[in-house]
Amino acid sequence: MQKRLGMLLVSVVLLGVMLAGCTPPTRLERDYGTSYQLTRAQQILTPEAEQSLAPQEDLDGGAAQRTLERYRKTFEKPPPPPTFAVSVGAIK
């Protein structure tokens, strides 16, 4: 009798777990990744650029060269170590 009751309990639990897997997706699951995709789409300057083989002329050579040099200079020296200031009340 005990064994039969235990098997029935296990069967009911397994059936409940299997049925829980059949639930429809929640609102969060349906919208998962929407924020990422929207942000990525908004960062594209010219969405039609992939269809055109013409070069993009948004940045002239001199400006691009200065930008690239400024970017490379950021790697020449290590950044300063972070400093933390913790206030622990008023000192008189």
PDB file of N, CA and C in Angstrom:
ATOM      1  N   MET A   1       0.831  -1.197   0.000  1.00  0.00           N
ATOM      2  CA  MET A   1       0.000   0.000   0.000  1.00  0.00           C
ATOM      3  C   MET A   1       0.871   1.254   0.000  1.00  0.00           C
ATOM      4  N   GLN A   2       1.915   1.263   0.839  1.00  0.00           N
ATOM      5  CA  GLN A   2       2.811   2.424   0.920  1.00  0.00           C
ATOM      6  C   GLN A   2       3.500   2.655  -0.422  1.00  0.00           C
ATOM      7  N   LYS A   3       3.929   1.581  -1.050  1.00  0.00           N
ATOM      8  CA  LYS A   3       4.646   1.686  -2.316  1.00  0.00           C
ATOM      9  C   LYS A   3       3.725   2.240  -3.403  1.00  0.00           C
ATOM     10  N   ARG A   4       2.477   1.785  -3.407  1.00  0.00           N
ATOM     11  CA  ARG A   4       1.520   2.253  -4.398  1.00  0.00           C
ATOM     12  C   ARG A   4       1.211   3.732  -4.196  1.00  0.00           C
ATOM     13  N   LEU A   5       1.089   4.181  -2.972  1.00  0.00           N
ATOM     14  CA  LEU A   5       0.825   5.581  -2.665  1.00  0.00           C
ATOM     15  C   LEU A   5       2.018   6.452  -3.068  1.00  0.00           C
ATOM     16  N   GLY A   6       3.220   5.949  -2.831  1.00  0.00           N
ATOM     17  CA  GLY A   6       4.429   6.672  -3.224  1.00  0.00           C
ATOM     18  C   GLY A   6       4.532   6.805  -4.734  1.00  0.00           C
ATOM     19  N   MET A   7       4.221   5.743  -5.462  1.00  0.00           N
ATOM     20  CA  MET A   7       4.254   5.777  -6.926  1.00  0.00           C
ATOM     21  C   MET A   7       3.197   6.740  -7.466  1.00  0.00           C
ATOM     22  N   LEU A   8       2.032   6.762  -6.834  1.00  0.00           N
ATOM     23  CA  LEU A   8       0.978   7.678  -7.253  1.00  0.00           C
ATOM     24  C   LEU A   8       1.404   9.128  -7.023  1.00  0.00           C
ATOM     25  N   LEU A   9       2.043   9.391  -5.906  1.00  0.00           N
ATOM     26  CA  LEU A   9       2.508  10.736  -5.597  1.00  0.00           C
ATOM     27  C   LEU A   9       3.584  11.181  -6.585  1.00  0.00           C
ATOM     28  N   VAL A  10       4.522  10.296  -6.882  1.00  0.00           N
ATOM     29  CA  VAL A  10       5.571  10.603  -7.854  1.00  0.00           C
ATOM     30  C   VAL A  10       4.968  10.852  -9.227  1.00  0.00           C
ATOM     31  N   SER A  11       3.977  10.053  -9.609  1.00  0.00           N
ATOM     32  CA  SER A  11       3.319  10.215 -10.905  1.00  0.00           C
ATOM     33  C   SER A  11       2.610  11.561 -11.001  1.00  0.00           C
ATOM     34  N   VAL A  12       1.939  11.957  -9.945  1.00  0.00           N
ATOM     35  CA  VAL A  12       1.229  13.235  -9.934  1.00  0.00           C
ATOM     36  C   VAL A  12       2.226  14.400 -10.031  1.00  0.00           C
ATOM     37  N   VAL A  13       3.322  14.299  -9.300  1.00  0.00           N
ATOM     38  CA  VAL A  13       4.340  15.355  -9.351  1.00  0.00           C
ATOM     39  C   VAL A  13       4.944  15.434 -10.748  1.00  0.00           C
ATOM     40  N   LEU A  14       5.292  14.308 -11.344  1.00  0.00           N
ATOM     41  CA  LEU A  14       5.854  14.299 -12.693  1.00  0.00           C
ATOM     42  C   LEU A  14       4.867  14.849 -13.715  1.00  0.00           C
ATOM     43  N   LEU A  15       3.614  14.499 -13.581  1.00  0.00           N
ATOM     44  CA  LEU A  15       2.597  15.023 -14.479  1.00  0.00           C
ATOM     45  C   LEU A  15       2.486  16.537 -14.336  1.00  0.00           C
ATOM     46  N   GLY A  16       2.550  17.033 -13.115  1.00  0.00           N
ATOM     47  CA  GLY A  16       2.500  18.481 -12.889  1.00  0.00           C
ATOM     48  C   GLY A  16       3.697  19.196 -13.496  1.00  0.00           C
ATOM     49  N   VAL A  17       4.873  18.597 -13.367  1.00  0.00           N
ATOM     50  CA  VAL A  17       6.078  19.198 -13.945  1.00  0.00           C
ATOM     51  C   VAL A  17       5.983  19.208 -15.462  1.00  0.00           C
ATOM     52  N   MET A  18       5.505  18.124 -16.049  1.00  0.00           N
ATOM     53  CA  MET A  18       5.382  18.062 -17.508  1.00  0.00           C
ATOM     54  C   MET A  18       4.354  19.065 -18.022  1.00  0.00           C
ATOM     55  N   LEU A  19       3.267  19.218 -17.312  1.00  0.00           N
ATOM     56  CA  LEU A  19       2.249  20.187 -17.738  1.00  0.00           C
ATOM     57  C   LEU A  19       2.720  21.625 -17.549  1.00  0.00           C
ATOM     58  N   ALA A  20       3.580  21.865 -16.579  1.00  0.00           N
ATOM     59  CA  ALA A  20       4.115  23.212 -16.366  1.00  0.00           C
ATOM     60  C   ALA A  20       5.001  23.626 -17.542  1.00  0.00           C
ATOM     61  N   GLY A  21       5.613  22.670 -18.221  1.00  0.00           N
ATOM     62  CA  GLY A  21       6.426  22.978 -19.385  1.00  0.00           C
ATOM     63  C   GLY A  21       5.598  23.361 -20.595  1.00  0.00           C
ATOM     64  N   CYS A  22       4.306  23.123 -20.563  1.00  0.00           N
ATOM     65  CA  CYS A  22       3.429  23.430 -21.691  1.00  0.00           C
ATOM     66  C   CYS A  22       2.761  24.797 -21.561  1.00  0.00           C
ATOM     67  N   THR A  23       3.132  25.564 -20.585  1.00  0.00           N
ATOM     68  CA  THR A  23       2.502  26.877 -20.416  1.00  0.00           C
ATOM     69  C   THR A  23       2.980  27.827 -21.507  1.00  0.00           C
ATOM     70  N   PRO A  24       2.125  28.763 -21.915  1.00  0.00           N
ATOM     71  CA  PRO A  24       2.541  29.727 -22.947  1.00  0.00           C
ATOM     72  C   PRO A  24       3.609  30.665 -22.385  1.00  0.00           C
ATOM     73  N   PRO A  25       4.409  31.276 -23.262  1.00  0.00           N
ATOM     74  CA  PRO A  25       5.451  32.179 -22.767  1.00  0.00           C
ATOM     75  C   PRO A  25       4.853  33.409 -22.086  1.00  0.00           C
ATOM     76  N   THR A  26       5.552  33.882 -21.078  1.00  0.00           N
ATOM     77  CA  THR A  26       5.094  35.067 -20.362  1.00  0.00           C
ATOM     78  C   THR A  26       5.423  36.314 -21.170  1.00  0.00           C
ATOM     79  N   ARG A  27       4.941  37.448 -20.719  1.00  0.00           N
ATOM     80  CA  ARG A  27       5.213  38.716 -21.407  1.00  0.00           C
ATOM     81  C   ARG A  27       6.717  38.993 -21.445  1.00  0.00           C
ATOM     82  N   LEU A  28       7.409  38.698 -20.365  1.00  0.00           N
ATOM     83  CA  LEU A  28       8.849  38.912 -20.305  1.00  0.00           C
ATOM     84  C   LEU A  28       9.576  38.019 -21.309  1.00  0.00           C
ATOM     85  N   GLU A  29       9.181  36.775 -21.416  1.00  0.00           N
ATOM     86  CA  GLU A  29       9.824  35.866 -22.357  1.00  0.00           C
ATOM     87  C   GLU A  29       9.578  36.272 -23.803  1.00  0.00           C
ATOM     88  N   ARG A  30       8.392  36.791 -24.112  1.00  0.00           N
ATOM     89  CA  ARG A  30       8.102  37.223 -25.482  1.00  0.00           C
ATOM     90  C   ARG A  30       8.902  38.447 -25.863  1.00  0.00           C
ATOM     91  N   ASP A  31       9.140  39.361 -24.915  1.00  0.00           N
ATOM     92  CA  ASP A  31       9.857  40.599 -25.200  1.00  0.00           C
ATOM     93  C   ASP A  31      11.351  40.490 -24.925  1.00  0.00           C
ATOM     94  N   TYR A  32      11.839  39.304 -24.614  1.00  0.00           N
ATOM     95  CA  TYR A  32      13.253  39.132 -24.277  1.00  0.00           C
ATOM     96  C   TYR A  32      14.109  39.460 -25.486  1.00  0.00           C
ATOM     97  N   GLY A  33      15.032  40.397 -25.323  1.00  0.00           N
ATOM     98  CA  GLY A  33      15.921  40.789 -26.404  1.00  0.00           C
ATOM     99  C   GLY A  33      15.431  41.972 -27.208  1.00  0.00           C
ATOM    100  N   THR A  34      14.206  42.416 -26.997  1.00  0.00           N
ATOM    101  CA  THR A  34      13.665  43.537 -27.762  1.00  0.00           C
ATOM    102  C   THR A  34      14.455  44.803 -27.483  1.00  0.00           C
ATOM    103  N   SER A  35      14.803  45.039 -26.251  1.00  0.00           N
ATOM    104  CA  SER A  35      15.566  46.230 -25.892  1.00  0.00           C
ATOM    105  C   SER A  35      16.918  46.228 -26.586  1.00  0.00           C
ATOM    106  N   TYR A  36      17.575  45.085 -26.587  1.00  0.00           N
ATOM    107  CA  TYR A  36      18.882  44.974 -27.240  1.00  0.00           C
ATOM    108  C   TYR A  36      18.763  45.228 -28.739  1.00  0.00           C
ATOM    109  N   GLN A  37      17.783  44.596 -29.384  1.00  0.00           N
ATOM    110  CA  GLN A  37      17.610  44.768 -30.823  1.00  0.00           C
ATOM    111  C   GLN A  37      17.266  46.214 -31.172  1.00  0.00           C
ATOM    112  N   LEU A  38      16.452  46.877 -30.363  1.00  0.00           N
ATOM    113  CA  LEU A  38      16.081  48.261 -30.611  1.00  0.00           C
ATOM    114  C   LEU A  38      17.284  49.181 -30.465  1.00  0.00           C
ATOM    115  N   THR A  39      18.072  48.977 -29.428  1.00  0.00           N
ATOM    116  CA  THR A  39      19.271  49.796 -29.226  1.00  0.00           C
ATOM    117  C   THR A  39      20.259  49.593 -30.360  1.00  0.00           C
ATOM    118  N   ARG A  40      20.438  48.386 -30.780  1.00  0.00           N
ATOM    119  CA  ARG A  40      21.352  48.084 -31.886  1.00  0.00           C
ATOM    120  C   ARG A  40      20.885  48.742 -33.186  1.00  0.00           C
ATOM    121  N   ALA A  41      19.587  48.702 -33.449  1.00  0.00           N
ATOM    122  CA  ALA A  41      19.057  49.311 -34.667  1.00  0.00           C
ATOM    123  C   ALA A  41      19.189  50.832 -34.631  1.00  0.00           C
ATOM    124  N   GLN A  42      19.068  51.427 -33.449  1.00  0.00           N
ATOM    125  CA  GLN A  42      19.156  52.880 -33.349  1.00  0.00           C
ATOM    126  C   GLN A  42      20.583  53.382 -33.481  1.00  0.00           C
ATOM    127  N   GLN A  43      21.575  52.536 -33.330  1.00  0.00           N
ATOM    128  CA  GLN A  43      22.964  52.959 -33.436  1.00  0.00           C
ATOM    129  C   GLN A  43      23.479  52.932 -34.873  1.00  0.00           C
ATOM    130  N   ILE A  44      22.704  52.411 -35.789  1.00  0.00           N
ATOM    131  CA  ILE A  44      23.125  52.348 -37.186  1.00  0.00           C
ATOM    132  C   ILE A  44      22.838  53.691 -37.831  1.00  0.00           C
ATOM    133  N   LEU A  45      23.875  54.317 -38.366  1.00  0.00           N
ATOM    134  CA  LEU A  45      23.746  55.643 -38.960  1.00  0.00           C
ATOM    135  C   LEU A  45      22.949  55.592 -40.255  1.00  0.00           C
ATOM    136  N   THR A  46      23.288  54.676 -41.140  1.00  0.00           N
ATOM    137  CA  THR A  46      22.621  54.569 -42.434  1.00  0.00           C
ATOM    138  C   THR A  46      22.180  53.122 -42.636  1.00  0.00           C
ATOM    139  N   PRO A  47      20.925  52.789 -42.328  1.00  0.00           N
ATOM    140  CA  PRO A  47      20.478  51.401 -42.460  1.00  0.00           C
ATOM    141  C   PRO A  47      20.540  50.890 -43.897  1.00  0.00           C
ATOM    142  N   GLU A  48      20.439  51.766 -44.873  1.00  0.00           N
ATOM    143  CA  GLU A  48      20.439  51.343 -46.274  1.00  0.00           C
ATOM    144  C   GLU A  48      21.852  51.092 -46.799  1.00  0.00           C
ATOM    145  N   ALA A  49      22.878  51.309 -46.007  1.00  0.00           N
ATOM    146  CA  ALA A  49      24.258  51.211 -46.464  1.00  0.00           C
ATOM    147  C   ALA A  49      24.623  49.804 -46.917  1.00  0.00           C
ATOM    148  N   GLU A  50      24.010  48.785 -46.342  1.00  0.00           N
ATOM    149  CA  GLU A  50      24.368  47.424 -46.734  1.00  0.00           C
ATOM    150  C   GLU A  50      23.891  47.086 -48.137  1.00  0.00           C
ATOM    151  N   GLN A  51      22.935  47.833 -48.658  1.00  0.00           N
ATOM    152  CA  GLN A  51      22.420  47.572 -49.995  1.00  0.00           C
ATOM    153  C   GLN A  51      23.209  48.320 -51.064  1.00  0.00           C
ATOM    154  N   SER A  52      23.981  49.307 -50.672  1.00  0.00           N
ATOM    155  CA  SER A  52      24.724  50.122 -51.620  1.00  0.00           C
ATOM    156  C   SER A  52      26.205  49.794 -51.538  1.00  0.00           C
ATOM    157  N   LEU A  53      26.858  49.728 -52.690  1.00  0.00           N
ATOM    158  CA  LEU A  53      28.293  49.469 -52.716  1.00  0.00           C
ATOM    159  C   LEU A  53      29.104  50.756 -52.732  1.00  0.00           C
ATOM    160  N   ALA A  54      28.439  51.900 -52.769  1.00  0.00           N
ATOM    161  CA  ALA A  54      29.140  53.178 -52.787  1.00  0.00           C
ATOM    162  C   ALA A  54      29.772  53.439 -51.427  1.00  0.00           C
ATOM    163  N   PRO A  55      30.979  54.018 -51.387  1.00  0.00           N
ATOM    164  CA  PRO A  55      31.612  54.300 -50.091  1.00  0.00           C
ATOM    165  C   PRO A  55      30.866  55.402 -49.343  1.00  0.00           C
ATOM    166  N   GLN A  56      30.886  55.312 -48.031  1.00  0.00           N
ATOM    167  CA  GLN A  56      30.260  56.328 -47.197  1.00  0.00           C
ATOM    168  C   GLN A  56      31.223  57.486 -47.023  1.00  0.00           C
ATOM    169  N   GLU A  57      30.760  58.693 -47.177  1.00  0.00           N
ATOM    170  CA  GLU A  57      31.615  59.868 -47.096  1.00  0.00           C
ATOM    171  C   GLU A  57      31.162  60.777 -45.954  1.00  0.00           C
ATOM    172  N   ASP A  58      31.011  60.205 -44.777  1.00  0.00           N
ATOM    173  CA  ASP A  58      30.555  60.977 -43.630  1.00  0.00           C
ATOM    174  C   ASP A  58      31.707  61.656 -42.901  1.00  0.00           C
ATOM    175  N   LEU A  59      32.915  61.132 -43.009  1.00  0.00           N
ATOM    176  CA  LEU A  59      34.055  61.629 -42.261  1.00  0.00           C
ATOM    177  C   LEU A  59      35.212  61.815 -43.240  1.00  0.00           C
ATOM    178  N   ASP A  60      35.729  63.035 -43.309  1.00  0.00           N
ATOM    179  CA  ASP A  60      36.834  63.261 -44.239  1.00  0.00           C
ATOM    180  C   ASP A  60      38.116  62.634 -43.699  1.00  0.00           C
ATOM    181  N   GLY A  61      39.138  62.524 -44.562  1.00  0.00           N
ATOM    182  CA  GLY A  61      40.368  61.835 -44.199  1.00  0.00           C
ATOM    183  C   GLY A  61      41.097  62.450 -43.021  1.00  0.00           C
ATOM    184  N   GLY A  62      41.162  63.807 -42.982  1.00  0.00           N
ATOM    185  CA  GLY A  62      41.867  64.470 -41.879  1.00  0.00           C
ATOM    186  C   GLY A  62      41.206  64.220 -40.538  1.00  0.00           C
ATOM    187  N   ALA A  63      39.893  64.322 -40.503  1.00  0.00           N
ATOM    188  CA  ALA A  63      39.168  64.089 -39.248  1.00  0.00           C
ATOM    189  C   ALA A  63      39.301  62.631 -38.818  1.00  0.00           C
ATOM    190  N   ALA A  64      39.258  61.733 -39.776  1.00  0.00           N
ATOM    191  CA  ALA A  64      39.400  60.315 -39.449  1.00  0.00           C
ATOM    192  C   ALA A  64      40.799  60.032 -38.908  1.00  0.00           C
ATOM    193  N   GLN A  65      41.812  60.652 -39.505  1.00  0.00           N
ATOM    194  CA  GLN A  65      43.196  60.454 -39.053  1.00  0.00           C
ATOM    195  C   GLN A  65      43.376  60.957 -37.620  1.00  0.00           C
ATOM    196  N   ARG A  66      42.849  62.152 -37.311  1.00  0.00           N
ATOM    197  CA  ARG A  66      42.969  62.698 -35.955  1.00  0.00           C
ATOM    198  C   ARG A  66      42.221  61.839 -34.945  1.00  0.00           C
ATOM    199  N   THR A  67      41.074  61.363 -35.335  1.00  0.00           N
ATOM    200  CA  THR A  67      40.295  60.504 -34.448  1.00  0.00           C
ATOM    201  C   THR A  67      41.050  59.216 -34.147  1.00  0.00           C
ATOM    202  N   LEU A  68      41.635  58.635 -35.173  1.00  0.00           N
ATOM    203  CA  LEU A  68      42.388  57.400 -34.989  1.00  0.00           C
ATOM    204  C   LEU A  68      43.623  57.625 -34.127  1.00  0.00           C
ATOM    205  N   GLU A  69      44.328  58.738 -34.301  1.00  0.00           N
ATOM    206  CA  GLU A  69      45.494  59.049 -33.472  1.00  0.00           C
ATOM    207  C   GLU A  69      45.100  59.255 -32.016  1.00  0.00           C
ATOM    208  N   ARG A  70      44.003  59.986 -31.801  1.00  0.00           N
ATOM    209  CA  ARG A  70      43.535  60.220 -30.430  1.00  0.00           C
ATOM    210  C   ARG A  70      43.145  58.899 -29.771  1.00  0.00           C
ATOM    211  N   TYR A  71      42.537  58.004 -30.536  1.00  0.00           N
ATOM    212  CA  TYR A  71      42.154  56.690 -30.016  1.00  0.00           C
ATOM    213  C   TYR A  71      43.394  55.886 -29.629  1.00  0.00           C
ATOM    214  N   ARG A  72      44.403  55.896 -30.456  1.00  0.00           N
ATOM    215  CA  ARG A  72      45.622  55.134 -30.178  1.00  0.00           C
ATOM    216  C   ARG A  72      46.388  55.693 -28.991  1.00  0.00           C
ATOM    217  N   LYS A  73      46.327  57.002 -28.759  1.00  0.00           N
ATOM    218  CA  LYS A  73      47.022  57.611 -27.623  1.00  0.00           C
ATOM    219  C   LYS A  73      46.429  57.161 -26.285  1.00  0.00           C
ATOM    220  N   THR A  74      45.190  56.743 -26.288  1.00  0.00           N
ATOM    221  CA  THR A  74      44.578  56.303 -25.029  1.00  0.00           C
ATOM    222  C   THR A  74      45.226  55.033 -24.494  1.00  0.00           C
ATOM    223  N   PHE A  75      45.938  54.299 -25.359  1.00  0.00           N
ATOM    224  CA  PHE A  75      46.574  53.057 -24.923  1.00  0.00           C
ATOM    225  C   PHE A  75      48.035  53.248 -24.544  1.00  0.00           C
ATOM    226  N   GLU A  76      48.586  54.447 -24.708  1.00  0.00           N
ATOM    227  CA  GLU A  76      50.003  54.676 -24.429  1.00  0.00           C
ATOM    228  C   GLU A  76      50.319  54.678 -22.938  1.00  0.00           C
ATOM    229  N   LYS A  77      49.502  55.281 -22.131  1.00  0.00           N
ATOM    230  CA  LYS A  77      49.773  55.312 -20.699  1.00  0.00           C
ATOM    231  C   LYS A  77      48.614  54.652 -19.960  1.00  0.00           C
ATOM    232  N   PRO A  78      48.918  53.965 -18.880  1.00  0.00           N
ATOM    233  CA  PRO A  78      47.832  53.304 -18.149  1.00  0.00           C
ATOM    234  C   PRO A  78      46.944  54.340 -17.471  1.00  0.00           C
ATOM    235  N   PRO A  79      45.687  54.026 -17.310  1.00  0.00           N
ATOM    236  CA  PRO A  79      44.791  54.970 -16.633  1.00  0.00           C
ATOM    237  C   PRO A  79      45.182  55.138 -15.176  1.00  0.00           C
ATOM    238  N   PRO A  80      44.893  56.289 -14.595  1.00  0.00           N
ATOM    239  CA  PRO A  80      45.227  56.477 -13.176  1.00  0.00           C
ATOM    240  C   PRO A  80      44.402  55.535 -12.309  1.00  0.00           C
ATOM    241  N   PRO A  81      44.965  55.126 -11.183  1.00  0.00           N
ATOM    242  CA  PRO A  81      44.212  54.216 -10.314  1.00  0.00           C
ATOM    243  C   PRO A  81      42.986  54.930  -9.751  1.00  0.00           C
ATOM    244  N   PRO A  82      41.929  54.206  -9.547  1.00  0.00           N
ATOM    245  CA  PRO A  82      40.721  54.830  -9.009  1.00  0.00           C
ATOM    246  C   PRO A  82      40.933  55.292  -7.567  1.00  0.00           C
ATOM    247  N   THR A  83      40.347  56.405  -7.228  1.00  0.00           N
ATOM    248  CA  THR A  83      40.405  56.914  -5.855  1.00  0.00           C
ATOM    249  C   THR A  83      39.010  56.883  -5.271  1.00  0.00           C
ATOM    250  N   PHE A  84      38.926  56.494  -4.040  1.00  0.00           N
ATOM    251  CA  PHE A  84      37.646  56.399  -3.369  1.00  0.00           C
ATOM    252  C   PHE A  84      37.658  57.308  -2.152  1.00  0.00           C
ATOM    253  N   ALA A  85      36.609  58.074  -1.987  1.00  0.00           N
ATOM    254  CA  ALA A  85      36.476  58.929  -0.816  1.00  0.00           C
ATOM    255  C   ALA A  85      35.204  58.535  -0.087  1.00  0.00           C
ATOM    256  N   VAL A  86      35.346  58.053   1.127  1.00  0.00           N
ATOM    257  CA  VAL A  86      34.206  57.612   1.910  1.00  0.00           C
ATOM    258  C   VAL A  86      34.049  58.556   3.080  1.00  0.00           C
ATOM    259  N   SER A  87      32.921  59.198   3.158  1.00  0.00           N
ATOM    260  CA  SER A  87      32.622  60.102   4.263  1.00  0.00           C
ATOM    261  C   SER A  87      31.951  59.320   5.378  1.00  0.00           C
ATOM    262  N   VAL A  88      32.491  59.442   6.596  1.00  0.00           N
ATOM    263  CA  VAL A  88      31.952  58.674   7.716  1.00  0.00           C
ATOM    264  C   VAL A  88      31.398  59.603   8.780  1.00  0.00           C
ATOM    265  N   GLY A  89      30.789  60.649   8.383  1.00  0.00           N
ATOM    266  CA  GLY A  89      30.215  61.579   9.354  1.00  0.00           C
ATOM    267  C   GLY A  89      30.995  62.860   9.432  1.00  0.00           C
ATOM    268  N   ALA A  90      30.486  63.783  10.225  1.00  0.00           N
ATOM    269  CA  ALA A  90      31.122  65.090  10.351  1.00  0.00           C
ATOM    270  C   ALA A  90      32.243  65.044  11.389  1.00  0.00           C
ATOM    271  N   ILE A  91      33.415  65.515  11.015  1.00  0.00           N
ATOM    272  CA  ILE A  91      34.543  65.573  11.930  1.00  0.00           C
ATOM    273  C   ILE A  91      34.668  67.017  12.406  1.00  0.00           C
ATOM    274  N   LYS A  92      34.717  67.200  13.726  1.00  0.00           N
ATOM    275  CA  LYS A  92      34.773  68.565  14.288  1.00  0.00           C
ATOM    276  C   LYS A  92      36.138  68.865  14.822  1.00  0.00           C
TER     277      LYS A  92
END
